[in-house]
Amino acid sequence: MEEPHRRIRARHTASTVTVYQAYGPHIGLPAARDGRFPAVWKRDRMTWVKPSFLWMMYRCGWATREGQETVLAVEISREGFEWALRHACLSHYAPGLHADRAAWRRELRHAPARVQWDPERDLRLQPLPYRSLQLGLSGEAAWRYADEWTVAIRDVTPLAHEVCALVRAGEADAARRLLPVEEP
């Protein structure tokens, strides 16, 4: 069966969806320890969550990029995730979906969430021919994410490093077995 061009694939249950983010240790370590974001986490900024572990690894360079050395698996309520999707605007103009560019800009300016579709990644972090969701949260959505939707936060940096080491050692099958199971 061929993979659809755009599909949300995530680790999920009936009540939660796991998304990934990478932060510097000053934010990531307290968040994982306390199960909530620390006071230094800025609720007034756009924050991007990624349901794809490998897309997160691409973005943070296997937890090696400055300010992205701590990778978090943030389990959020499915209700919150779906709220964000219902209140989201595409991050780019799409003819046929939007009346015109001005209408899209107005919608984008007022939407508390943004949907962006980026190429999914393979174990070597190369782009695949289909897209994965990146969800931007701002304003009300960012506040809800941090204060209402977050169920649990885990530090998965050791997993990122272990998978990366296996990939670099040519042990792709072993690396693949460690990946979180992400289903449609």
C-alpha atoms as a PDB file:
ATOM      1  CA  MET A   1       0.000   0.000   0.000  1.00  0.00           C
ATOM      2  CA  GLU A   2       1.373   3.372  -1.014  1.00  0.00           C
ATOM      3  CA  GLU A   3       1.849   6.011   1.667  1.00  0.00           C
ATOM      4  CA  PRO A   4      -0.418   9.075   1.194  1.00  0.00           C
ATOM      5  CA  HIS A   5       1.445  12.296   0.393  1.00  0.00           C
ATOM      6  CA  ARG A   6       0.272  13.903   3.679  1.00  0.00           C
ATOM      7  CA  ARG A   7      -0.615  11.930   6.769  1.00  0.00           C
ATOM      8  CA  ILE A   8      -0.295  12.426  10.494  1.00  0.00           C
ATOM      9  CA  ARG A   9       1.729   9.538  11.872  1.00  0.00           C
ATOM     10  CA  ALA A  10       2.287   9.526  15.612  1.00  0.00           C
ATOM     11  CA  ARG A  11       2.719   7.425  18.667  1.00  0.00           C
ATOM     12  CA  HIS A  12      -0.775   7.624  20.167  1.00  0.00           C
ATOM     13  CA  THR A  13      -3.427   6.045  22.317  1.00  0.00           C
ATOM     14  CA  ALA A  14      -7.164   6.637  22.451  1.00  0.00           C
ATOM     15  CA  SER A  15      -6.557   9.588  24.777  1.00  0.00           C
ATOM     16  CA  THR A  16      -3.039  10.911  23.995  1.00  0.00           C
ATOM     17  CA  VAL A  17      -0.678  11.839  21.156  1.00  0.00           C
ATOM     18  CA  THR A  18       3.106  12.013  21.568  1.00  0.00           C
ATOM     19  CA  VAL A  19       4.920  14.947  19.995  1.00  0.00           C
ATOM     20  CA  TYR A  20       8.613  15.807  20.066  1.00  0.00           C
ATOM     21  CA  GLN A  21      10.526  18.983  20.772  1.00  0.00           C
ATOM     22  CA  ALA A  22      14.193  19.741  21.365  1.00  0.00           C
ATOM     23  CA  TYR A  23      15.502  22.313  23.821  1.00  0.00           C
ATOM     24  CA  GLY A  24      18.661  23.338  25.561  1.00  0.00           C
ATOM     25  CA  PRO A  25      19.240  21.556  28.882  1.00  0.00           C
ATOM     26  CA  HIS A  26      18.084  24.614  30.877  1.00  0.00           C
ATOM     27  CA  ILE A  27      14.535  23.995  29.593  1.00  0.00           C
ATOM     28  CA  GLY A  28      14.545  20.313  28.626  1.00  0.00           C
ATOM     29  CA  LEU A  29      15.940  18.796  31.814  1.00  0.00           C
ATOM     30  CA  PRO A  30      13.587  20.595  34.254  1.00  0.00           C
ATOM     31  CA  ALA A  31      10.630  19.875  31.939  1.00  0.00           C
ATOM     32  CA  ALA A  32      11.389  16.137  31.943  1.00  0.00           C
ATOM     33  CA  ARG A  33      12.089  16.111  35.675  1.00  0.00           C
ATOM     34  CA  ASP A  34       8.932  18.009  36.660  1.00  0.00           C
ATOM     35  CA  GLY A  35       6.584  16.835  33.903  1.00  0.00           C
ATOM     36  CA  ARG A  36       5.786  20.415  32.898  1.00  0.00           C
ATOM     37  CA  PHE A  37       7.562  23.280  31.224  1.00  0.00           C
ATOM     38  CA  PRO A  38       9.628  25.531  33.517  1.00  0.00           C
ATOM     39  CA  ALA A  39       8.964  29.234  34.004  1.00  0.00           C
ATOM     40  CA  VAL A  40      11.719  30.141  31.497  1.00  0.00           C
ATOM     41  CA  TRP A  41       9.699  28.416  28.729  1.00  0.00           C
ATOM     42  CA  LYS A  42       8.068  31.265  26.814  1.00  0.00           C
ATOM     43  CA  ARG A  43       4.309  30.846  26.453  1.00  0.00           C
ATOM     44  CA  ASP A  44       4.096  33.973  24.299  1.00  0.00           C
ATOM     45  CA  ARG A  45       6.233  32.515  21.471  1.00  0.00           C
ATOM     46  CA  MET A  46       5.297  30.122  18.681  1.00  0.00           C
ATOM     47  CA  THR A  47       6.353  26.598  19.615  1.00  0.00           C
ATOM     48  CA  TRP A  48       6.527  23.805  17.026  1.00  0.00           C
ATOM     49  CA  VAL A  49       5.692  20.206  17.886  1.00  0.00           C
ATOM     50  CA  LYS A  50       6.454  17.223  15.690  1.00  0.00           C
ATOM     51  CA  PRO A  51       4.680  13.851  15.923  1.00  0.00           C
ATOM     52  CA  SER A  52       7.533  12.268  13.900  1.00  0.00           C
ATOM     53  CA  PHE A  53      10.575  11.151  15.895  1.00  0.00           C
ATOM     54  CA  LEU A  54      12.801  10.999  12.793  1.00  0.00           C
ATOM     55  CA  TRP A  55      11.713  14.450  11.620  1.00  0.00           C
ATOM     56  CA  MET A  56      12.685  15.729  15.074  1.00  0.00           C
ATOM     57  CA  MET A  57      16.065  13.972  14.733  1.00  0.00           C
ATOM     58  CA  TYR A  58      16.565  15.727  11.399  1.00  0.00           C
ATOM     59  CA  ARG A  59      15.684  19.084  12.953  1.00  0.00           C
ATOM     60  CA  CYS A  60      17.932  18.722  16.006  1.00  0.00           C
ATOM     61  CA  GLY A  61      20.760  16.736  14.398  1.00  0.00           C
ATOM     62  CA  TRP A  62      20.301  13.745  16.713  1.00  0.00           C
ATOM     63  CA  ALA A  63      20.292  16.135  19.718  1.00  0.00           C
ATOM     64  CA  THR A  64      23.628  17.735  18.810  1.00  0.00           C
ATOM     65  CA  ARG A  65      22.615  21.216  17.616  1.00  0.00           C
ATOM     66  CA  GLU A  66      23.157  24.080  20.021  1.00  0.00           C
ATOM     67  CA  GLY A  67      20.012  24.788  22.008  1.00  0.00           C
ATOM     68  CA  GLN A  68      18.520  21.438  20.932  1.00  0.00           C
ATOM     69  CA  GLU A  69      20.600  19.012  22.984  1.00  0.00           C
ATOM     70  CA  THR A  70      17.640  17.683  25.000  1.00  0.00           C
ATOM     71  CA  VAL A  71      14.899  15.880  23.071  1.00  0.00           C
ATOM     72  CA  LEU A  72      11.539  15.612  24.792  1.00  0.00           C
ATOM     73  CA  ALA A  73       8.666  13.251  24.075  1.00  0.00           C
ATOM     74  CA  VAL A  74       5.652  15.265  25.186  1.00  0.00           C
ATOM     75  CA  GLU A  75       2.509  13.236  25.649  1.00  0.00           C
ATOM     76  CA  ILE A  76      -0.486  15.515  25.197  1.00  0.00           C
ATOM     77  CA  SER A  77      -4.203  14.935  25.352  1.00  0.00           C
ATOM     78  CA  ARG A  78      -5.725  13.838  22.082  1.00  0.00           C
ATOM     79  CA  GLU A  79      -8.503  16.345  22.747  1.00  0.00           C
ATOM     80  CA  GLY A  80      -5.919  19.153  22.852  1.00  0.00           C
ATOM     81  CA  PHE A  81      -4.140  17.901  19.730  1.00  0.00           C
ATOM     82  CA  GLU A  82      -7.429  17.791  17.845  1.00  0.00           C
ATOM     83  CA  TRP A  83      -8.375  21.265  19.160  1.00  0.00           C
ATOM     84  CA  ALA A  84      -5.123  22.622  17.730  1.00  0.00           C
ATOM     85  CA  LEU A  85      -5.804  21.008  14.354  1.00  0.00           C
ATOM     86  CA  ARG A  86      -9.366  22.374  14.245  1.00  0.00           C
ATOM     87  CA  HIS A  87      -8.095  25.895  14.998  1.00  0.00           C
ATOM     88  CA  ALA A  88      -5.073  25.754  12.675  1.00  0.00           C
ATOM     89  CA  CYS A  89      -4.288  27.550   9.469  1.00  0.00           C
ATOM     90  CA  LEU A  90      -1.870  26.278   6.834  1.00  0.00           C
ATOM     91  CA  SER A  91       1.512  27.977   7.148  1.00  0.00           C
ATOM     92  CA  HIS A  92       1.457  28.667   3.401  1.00  0.00           C
ATOM     93  CA  TYR A  93      -1.093  29.987   0.928  1.00  0.00           C
ATOM     94  CA  ALA A  94      -2.985  27.269  -0.955  1.00  0.00           C
ATOM     95  CA  PRO A  95      -4.994  28.381  -4.008  1.00  0.00           C
ATOM     96  CA  GLY A  96      -8.419  26.774  -3.957  1.00  0.00           C
ATOM     97  CA  LEU A  97      -8.367  26.367  -0.190  1.00  0.00           C
ATOM     98  CA  HIS A  98      -8.135  30.085   0.540  1.00  0.00           C
ATOM     99  CA  ALA A  99     -10.167  32.723  -1.327  1.00  0.00           C
ATOM    100  CA  ASP A 100      -6.986  34.723  -1.968  1.00  0.00           C
ATOM    101  CA  ARG A 101      -3.668  35.592  -0.335  1.00  0.00           C
ATOM    102  CA  ALA A 102      -5.201  38.386   1.716  1.00  0.00           C
ATOM    103  CA  ALA A 103      -7.838  36.028   3.172  1.00  0.00           C
ATOM    104  CA  TRP A 104      -5.113  33.496   4.017  1.00  0.00           C
ATOM    105  CA  ARG A 105      -3.006  36.193   5.711  1.00  0.00           C
ATOM    106  CA  ARG A 106      -5.997  37.268   7.826  1.00  0.00           C
ATOM    107  CA  GLU A 107      -6.703  33.664   8.820  1.00  0.00           C
ATOM    108  CA  LEU A 108      -3.022  33.060   9.603  1.00  0.00           C
ATOM    109  CA  ARG A 109      -2.791  36.198  11.741  1.00  0.00           C
ATOM    110  CA  HIS A 110      -5.717  35.079  13.938  1.00  0.00           C
ATOM    111  CA  ALA A 111      -5.144  31.313  14.072  1.00  0.00           C
ATOM    112  CA  PRO A 112      -3.619  29.981  17.317  1.00  0.00           C
ATOM    113  CA  ALA A 113      -2.071  27.046  15.435  1.00  0.00           C
ATOM    114  CA  ARG A 114      -0.305  26.460  12.126  1.00  0.00           C
ATOM    115  CA  VAL A 115      -0.044  23.330  10.043  1.00  0.00           C
ATOM    116  CA  GLN A 116       3.091  22.746   8.029  1.00  0.00           C
ATOM    117  CA  TRP A 117       3.841  19.614   5.992  1.00  0.00           C
ATOM    118  CA  ASP A 118       7.520  18.697   5.729  1.00  0.00           C
ATOM    119  CA  PRO A 119       9.216  15.712   4.110  1.00  0.00           C
ATOM    120  CA  GLU A 120       9.281  12.704   6.424  1.00  0.00           C
ATOM    121  CA  ARG A 121      12.803  11.358   7.053  1.00  0.00           C
ATOM    122  CA  ASP A 122      14.415   7.942   6.909  1.00  0.00           C
ATOM    123  CA  LEU A 123      16.999   6.574   9.349  1.00  0.00           C
ATOM    124  CA  ARG A 124      19.769   8.469   7.565  1.00  0.00           C
ATOM    125  CA  LEU A 125      17.591  11.608   7.858  1.00  0.00           C
ATOM    126  CA  GLN A 126      17.157  11.793   4.093  1.00  0.00           C
ATOM    127  CA  PRO A 127      13.800  13.080   2.806  1.00  0.00           C
ATOM    128  CA  LEU A 128      11.111  10.578   1.887  1.00  0.00           C
ATOM    129  CA  PRO A 129       8.515  11.246  -0.854  1.00  0.00           C
ATOM    130  CA  TYR A 130       5.706  11.856   1.632  1.00  0.00           C
ATOM    131  CA  ARG A 131       5.069  14.512   4.251  1.00  0.00           C
ATOM    132  CA  SER A 132       4.728  14.629   8.027  1.00  0.00           C
ATOM    133  CA  LEU A 133       3.001  17.171  10.186  1.00  0.00           C
ATOM    134  CA  GLN A 134       4.665  19.980  12.030  1.00  0.00           C
ATOM    135  CA  LEU A 135       2.231  21.886  14.239  1.00  0.00           C
ATOM    136  CA  GLY A 136       2.969  25.432  15.365  1.00  0.00           C
ATOM    137  CA  LEU A 137       1.260  26.604  18.545  1.00  0.00           C
ATOM    138  CA  SER A 138       0.969  30.241  19.565  1.00  0.00           C
ATOM    139  CA  GLY A 139      -1.202  32.376  21.787  1.00  0.00           C
ATOM    140  CA  GLU A 140      -4.059  30.396  23.305  1.00  0.00           C
ATOM    141  CA  ALA A 141      -2.771  27.120  21.811  1.00  0.00           C
ATOM    142  CA  ALA A 142       0.692  27.513  23.378  1.00  0.00           C
ATOM    143  CA  TRP A 143      -0.826  28.264  26.780  1.00  0.00           C
ATOM    144  CA  ARG A 144      -3.187  25.288  26.541  1.00  0.00           C
ATOM    145  CA  TYR A 145      -0.333  23.037  25.407  1.00  0.00           C
ATOM    146  CA  ALA A 146       1.813  23.921  28.394  1.00  0.00           C
ATOM    147  CA  ASP A 147      -0.872  24.240  31.049  1.00  0.00           C
ATOM    148  CA  GLU A 148      -3.745  21.930  30.059  1.00  0.00           C
ATOM    149  CA  TRP A 149      -2.822  19.408  27.373  1.00  0.00           C
ATOM    150  CA  THR A 150       0.509  18.111  28.648  1.00  0.00           C
ATOM    151  CA  VAL A 151       0.049  14.707  30.283  1.00  0.00           C
ATOM    152  CA  ALA A 152       3.720  13.650  30.594  1.00  0.00           C
ATOM    153  CA  ILE A 153       7.174  14.750  29.437  1.00  0.00           C
ATOM    154  CA  ARG A 154      10.039  12.297  28.965  1.00  0.00           C
ATOM    155  CA  ASP A 155      13.654  12.947  28.049  1.00  0.00           C
ATOM    156  CA  VAL A 156      14.358  10.750  25.013  1.00  0.00           C
ATOM    157  CA  THR A 157      17.840  12.145  24.356  1.00  0.00           C
ATOM    158  CA  PRO A 158      19.501   8.808  25.265  1.00  0.00           C
ATOM    159  CA  LEU A 159      17.265   7.084  22.703  1.00  0.00           C
ATOM    160  CA  ALA A 160      18.255   9.658  20.064  1.00  0.00           C
ATOM    161  CA  HIS A 161      21.941   9.067  20.755  1.00  0.00           C
ATOM    162  CA  GLU A 162      21.546   5.273  20.749  1.00  0.00           C
ATOM    163  CA  VAL A 163      19.641   5.210  17.449  1.00  0.00           C
ATOM    164  CA  CYS A 164      22.165   7.604  15.898  1.00  0.00           C
ATOM    165  CA  ALA A 165      25.113   5.444  17.020  1.00  0.00           C
ATOM    166  CA  LEU A 166      23.500   2.332  15.537  1.00  0.00           C
ATOM    167  CA  VAL A 167      22.790   4.105  12.238  1.00  0.00           C
ATOM    168  CA  ARG A 168      26.390   5.322  12.032  1.00  0.00           C
ATOM    169  CA  ALA A 169      27.658   1.808  12.827  1.00  0.00           C
ATOM    170  CA  GLY A 170      25.630   0.414   9.925  1.00  0.00           C
ATOM    171  CA  GLU A 171      23.172  -1.372  12.230  1.00  0.00           C
ATOM    172  CA  ALA A 172      20.008  -0.083  10.563  1.00  0.00           C
ATOM    173  CA  ASP A 173      17.808  -3.014  11.609  1.00  0.00           C
ATOM    174  CA  ALA A 174      18.799  -2.621  15.264  1.00  0.00           C
ATOM    175  CA  ALA A 175      18.213   1.143  15.036  1.00  0.00           C
ATOM    176  CA  ARG A 176      14.799   0.639  13.416  1.00  0.00           C
ATOM    177  CA  ARG A 177      13.698  -1.669  16.244  1.00  0.00           C
ATOM    178  CA  LEU A 178      14.299   1.140  18.758  1.00  0.00           C
ATOM    179  CA  LEU A 179      12.171   3.720  16.946  1.00  0.00           C
ATOM    180  CA  PRO A 180       8.848   4.714  18.487  1.00  0.00           C
ATOM    181  CA  VAL A 181       5.937   3.084  16.658  1.00  0.00           C
ATOM    182  CA  GLU A 182       4.108   5.860  14.811  1.00  0.00           C
ATOM    183  CA  GLU A 183       0.809   4.921  13.268  1.00  0.00           C
ATOM    184  CA  PRO A 184      -1.716   6.935  11.221  1.00  0.00           C
END
